[in-house]
């Protein structure tokens, strides 16, 4: 499947994201024109996955060409702010 980088809004929130090595990076929390915010439920260790790394959707999972080590982490306070939570209440 090819991916249209202008169609990030078509990726449902909650879609599992699978890294290049086959590991689960988390689920899509937010979709932006240049990146996806990916995180695990209940955790504040979100990742910014660039849209150019998206390979496509396979069996309802978003395949990307990067691993956890290759993407930028989003700090705990920024993640809590995005989710309208207080930091450290998890």
N, C-alpha and C. Protein backbone atom coordinates (compact mmCIF):
# COMPACT_ATOMS: atom_id res chain seq x y z
N UNK A 1 0.84 -1.17 0.00
CA UNK A 1 0.00 0.00 0.00
C UNK A 1 0.89 1.23 0.00
N UNK A 2 0.60 2.18 -0.84
CA UNK A 2 1.34 3.43 -0.82
C UNK A 2 0.61 4.40 0.09
N UNK A 3 1.33 5.37 0.58
CA UNK A 3 0.77 6.31 1.53
C UNK A 3 0.84 7.71 0.95
N UNK A 4 -0.23 8.44 1.07
CA UNK A 4 -0.29 9.83 0.64
C UNK A 4 0.02 10.71 1.85
N UNK A 5 1.18 11.39 1.87
CA UNK A 5 1.56 12.18 3.04
C UNK A 5 0.60 13.33 3.33
N UNK A 6 -0.24 13.68 2.38
CA UNK A 6 -1.20 14.74 2.62
C UNK A 6 -2.47 14.20 3.28
N UNK A 7 -2.52 12.89 3.52
CA UNK A 7 -3.72 12.28 4.06
C UNK A 7 -3.59 11.84 5.50
N UNK A 8 -2.76 12.51 6.32
CA UNK A 8 -2.60 12.10 7.71
C UNK A 8 -3.91 12.17 8.47
N UNK A 9 -4.81 13.04 8.07
CA UNK A 9 -6.09 13.13 8.76
C UNK A 9 -6.93 11.88 8.55
N UNK A 10 -6.56 11.03 7.60
CA UNK A 10 -7.29 9.79 7.35
C UNK A 10 -6.84 8.65 8.27
N UNK A 11 -5.80 8.88 9.07
CA UNK A 11 -5.30 7.86 9.98
C UNK A 11 -6.07 8.00 11.30
N UNK A 12 -6.84 6.99 11.67
CA UNK A 12 -7.65 7.10 12.88
C UNK A 12 -6.81 7.16 14.16
N UNK A 13 -7.24 7.98 15.11
CA UNK A 13 -6.62 8.01 16.43
C UNK A 13 -6.80 6.61 17.03
N UNK A 14 -5.76 6.10 17.65
CA UNK A 14 -5.81 4.77 18.24
C UNK A 14 -5.25 3.67 17.35
N UNK A 15 -4.87 4.02 16.11
CA UNK A 15 -4.29 3.03 15.21
C UNK A 15 -2.94 2.57 15.76
N UNK A 16 -2.72 1.25 15.90
CA UNK A 16 -1.41 0.77 16.35
C UNK A 16 -0.32 1.12 15.34
N UNK A 17 0.86 1.47 15.85
CA UNK A 17 1.99 1.83 15.00
C UNK A 17 3.10 0.81 15.23
N UNK A 18 3.56 0.20 14.13
CA UNK A 18 4.58 -0.84 14.19
C UNK A 18 5.87 -0.32 13.57
N UNK A 19 6.97 -0.41 14.32
CA UNK A 19 8.27 0.04 13.86
C UNK A 19 8.86 -0.89 12.81
N UNK A 20 9.93 -0.43 12.20
CA UNK A 20 10.60 -1.18 11.14
C UNK A 20 11.08 -2.55 11.61
N UNK A 21 11.44 -2.65 12.90
CA UNK A 21 11.92 -3.92 13.45
C UNK A 21 10.78 -4.83 13.91
N UNK A 22 9.53 -4.40 13.71
CA UNK A 22 8.38 -5.22 14.09
C UNK A 22 7.85 -4.94 15.47
N UNK A 23 8.52 -4.08 16.24
CA UNK A 23 8.05 -3.77 17.59
C UNK A 23 6.92 -2.75 17.53
N UNK A 24 6.01 -2.83 18.51
CA UNK A 24 4.91 -1.87 18.56
C UNK A 24 5.40 -0.61 19.24
N UNK A 25 5.29 0.52 18.54
CA UNK A 25 5.71 1.81 19.09
C UNK A 25 4.62 2.43 19.96
N UNK A 26 3.39 2.06 19.74
CA UNK A 26 2.26 2.61 20.47
C UNK A 26 1.09 2.80 19.54
N UNK A 27 0.25 3.77 19.86
CA UNK A 27 -0.93 4.09 19.06
C UNK A 27 -0.91 5.55 18.68
N UNK A 28 -1.53 5.87 17.57
CA UNK A 28 -1.62 7.26 17.13
C UNK A 28 -2.48 8.04 18.12
N UNK A 29 -1.90 9.10 18.71
CA UNK A 29 -2.64 9.97 19.63
C UNK A 29 -3.12 11.22 18.91
N UNK A 30 -2.25 11.75 18.03
CA UNK A 30 -2.58 12.96 17.27
C UNK A 30 -1.98 12.83 15.88
N UNK A 31 -2.61 13.49 14.93
CA UNK A 31 -2.14 13.50 13.56
C UNK A 31 -1.90 14.95 13.12
N UNK A 32 -0.71 15.23 12.64
CA UNK A 32 -0.33 16.56 12.20
C UNK A 32 0.20 16.47 10.77
N UNK A 33 0.29 17.58 10.07
CA UNK A 33 0.74 17.53 8.67
C UNK A 33 2.12 16.91 8.48
N UNK A 34 3.04 17.08 9.45
CA UNK A 34 4.41 16.60 9.26
C UNK A 34 4.81 15.46 10.19
N UNK A 35 3.97 15.16 11.17
CA UNK A 35 4.32 14.08 12.09
C UNK A 35 3.06 13.52 12.75
N UNK A 36 3.23 12.33 13.32
CA UNK A 36 2.19 11.71 14.14
C UNK A 36 2.71 11.65 15.56
N UNK A 37 1.86 11.95 16.53
CA UNK A 37 2.21 11.76 17.92
C UNK A 37 1.75 10.36 18.29
N UNK A 38 2.71 9.53 18.70
CA UNK A 38 2.46 8.11 18.98
C UNK A 38 2.80 7.85 20.44
N UNK A 39 1.91 7.16 21.14
CA UNK A 39 2.17 6.85 22.54
C UNK A 39 1.46 5.59 22.97
N UNK A 40 1.80 5.17 24.16
CA UNK A 40 1.16 4.00 24.76
C UNK A 40 0.11 4.48 25.75
N UNK A 41 -0.99 3.76 25.85
CA UNK A 41 -2.07 4.14 26.76
C UNK A 41 -1.55 4.24 28.19
N UNK A 42 -1.92 5.34 28.83
CA UNK A 42 -1.57 5.52 30.23
C UNK A 42 -0.13 5.91 30.48
N UNK A 43 0.68 6.08 29.47
CA UNK A 43 2.08 6.44 29.66
C UNK A 43 2.35 7.77 29.00
N UNK A 44 3.33 8.49 29.52
CA UNK A 44 3.71 9.79 28.96
C UNK A 44 5.09 9.69 28.32
N UNK A 45 5.23 8.79 27.40
CA UNK A 45 6.49 8.66 26.68
C UNK A 45 6.21 8.69 25.18
N UNK A 46 5.49 9.73 24.77
CA UNK A 46 5.08 9.84 23.38
C UNK A 46 6.28 10.05 22.46
N UNK A 47 6.06 9.70 21.21
CA UNK A 47 7.08 9.83 20.17
C UNK A 47 6.53 10.63 19.02
N UNK A 48 7.38 11.42 18.38
CA UNK A 48 6.99 12.13 17.17
C UNK A 48 7.54 11.33 15.99
N UNK A 49 6.64 10.75 15.22
CA UNK A 49 7.02 9.94 14.06
C UNK A 49 6.75 10.78 12.81
N UNK A 50 7.80 11.08 12.03
CA UNK A 50 7.60 11.90 10.83
C UNK A 50 6.74 11.16 9.81
N UNK A 51 5.88 11.91 9.11
CA UNK A 51 4.99 11.26 8.14
C UNK A 51 5.76 10.62 6.99
N UNK A 52 6.96 11.13 6.69
CA UNK A 52 7.72 10.51 5.59
C UNK A 52 8.19 9.10 5.94
N UNK A 53 8.08 8.72 7.24
CA UNK A 53 8.47 7.37 7.66
C UNK A 53 7.33 6.36 7.51
N UNK A 54 6.13 6.84 7.17
CA UNK A 54 4.99 5.92 7.05
C UNK A 54 5.11 5.09 5.79
N UNK A 55 5.04 3.77 5.98
CA UNK A 55 5.07 2.83 4.85
C UNK A 55 3.65 2.58 4.37
N UNK A 56 2.74 2.32 5.30
CA UNK A 56 1.35 2.08 4.94
C UNK A 56 0.60 1.34 6.03
N UNK A 57 -0.68 1.10 5.79
CA UNK A 57 -1.53 0.36 6.71
C UNK A 57 -1.58 -1.10 6.28
N UNK A 58 -1.30 -1.99 7.22
CA UNK A 58 -1.36 -3.43 6.96
C UNK A 58 -2.15 -4.07 8.08
N UNK A 59 -3.26 -4.70 7.75
CA UNK A 59 -4.12 -5.34 8.74
C UNK A 59 -4.50 -4.40 9.88
N UNK A 60 -4.79 -3.14 9.55
CA UNK A 60 -5.23 -2.17 10.55
C UNK A 60 -4.11 -1.58 11.38
N UNK A 61 -2.86 -1.91 11.06
CA UNK A 61 -1.71 -1.37 11.79
C UNK A 61 -0.88 -0.51 10.86
N UNK A 62 -0.40 0.61 11.39
CA UNK A 62 0.39 1.54 10.61
C UNK A 62 1.86 1.12 10.67
N UNK A 63 2.42 0.77 9.53
CA UNK A 63 3.81 0.35 9.43
C UNK A 63 4.66 1.58 9.14
N UNK A 64 5.78 1.74 9.90
CA UNK A 64 6.68 2.86 9.67
C UNK A 64 8.10 2.35 9.48
N UNK A 65 8.92 3.18 8.84
CA UNK A 65 10.29 2.76 8.49
C UNK A 65 11.31 3.19 9.53
N UNK A 66 10.88 3.45 10.76
CA UNK A 66 11.78 3.83 11.85
C UNK A 66 11.53 2.94 13.06
N UNK A 67 12.51 2.92 13.98
CA UNK A 67 12.37 2.23 15.25
C UNK A 67 12.30 3.27 16.36
N UNK A 68 11.99 2.84 17.56
CA UNK A 68 11.85 3.74 18.70
C UNK A 68 13.09 4.62 18.89
N UNK A 69 14.26 4.07 18.68
CA UNK A 69 15.50 4.81 18.89
C UNK A 69 15.71 5.93 17.87
N UNK A 70 15.02 5.87 16.74
CA UNK A 70 15.25 6.81 15.64
C UNK A 70 14.29 7.99 15.63
N UNK A 71 13.35 8.04 16.57
CA UNK A 71 12.36 9.12 16.57
C UNK A 71 12.53 9.98 17.81
N UNK A 72 11.99 11.18 17.76
CA UNK A 72 12.10 12.12 18.88
C UNK A 72 11.07 11.80 19.95
N UNK A 73 11.52 11.81 21.19
CA UNK A 73 10.61 11.65 22.32
C UNK A 73 10.02 13.00 22.68
N UNK A 74 8.81 12.97 23.22
CA UNK A 74 8.14 14.16 23.71
C UNK A 74 8.17 14.06 25.22
N UNK A 75 8.60 15.14 25.90
CA UNK A 75 8.77 15.05 27.35
C UNK A 75 7.44 14.89 28.07
N UNK A 76 7.52 14.41 29.31
CA UNK A 76 6.33 14.10 30.11
C UNK A 76 5.42 15.29 30.32
N UNK A 77 5.97 16.47 30.60
CA UNK A 77 5.12 17.63 30.86
C UNK A 77 4.39 18.08 29.60
N UNK A 78 5.08 18.02 28.45
CA UNK A 78 4.42 18.39 27.21
C UNK A 78 3.29 17.42 26.89
N UNK A 79 3.53 16.14 27.10
CA UNK A 79 2.50 15.14 26.84
C UNK A 79 1.31 15.35 27.78
N UNK A 80 1.57 15.58 29.05
CA UNK A 80 0.49 15.80 30.01
C UNK A 80 -0.31 17.04 29.63
N UNK A 81 0.38 18.08 29.18
CA UNK A 81 -0.31 19.30 28.74
C UNK A 81 -1.23 19.00 27.56
N UNK A 82 -0.74 18.23 26.60
CA UNK A 82 -1.55 17.90 25.43
C UNK A 82 -2.79 17.13 25.82
N UNK A 83 -2.68 16.30 26.85
CA UNK A 83 -3.80 15.48 27.28
C UNK A 83 -4.61 16.16 28.38
N UNK A 84 -4.28 17.43 28.68
CA UNK A 84 -4.97 18.20 29.73
C UNK A 84 -4.92 17.50 31.07
N UNK A 85 -3.74 16.96 31.40
CA UNK A 85 -3.55 16.28 32.67
C UNK A 85 -2.46 17.03 33.45
N UNK A 86 -2.38 16.74 34.74
CA UNK A 86 -1.30 17.26 35.55
C UNK A 86 -0.13 16.30 35.44
N UNK A 87 1.11 16.80 35.26
CA UNK A 87 2.26 15.92 35.21
C UNK A 87 2.41 15.15 36.51
N UNK A 88 2.80 13.90 36.41
CA UNK A 88 3.04 13.08 37.58
C UNK A 88 1.79 12.47 38.20
N UNK A 89 0.62 12.62 37.57
CA UNK A 89 -0.60 12.04 38.14
C UNK A 89 -0.93 10.69 37.54
N UNK A 90 -0.07 10.18 36.72
CA UNK A 90 -0.32 8.90 36.08
C UNK A 90 0.07 7.76 36.96
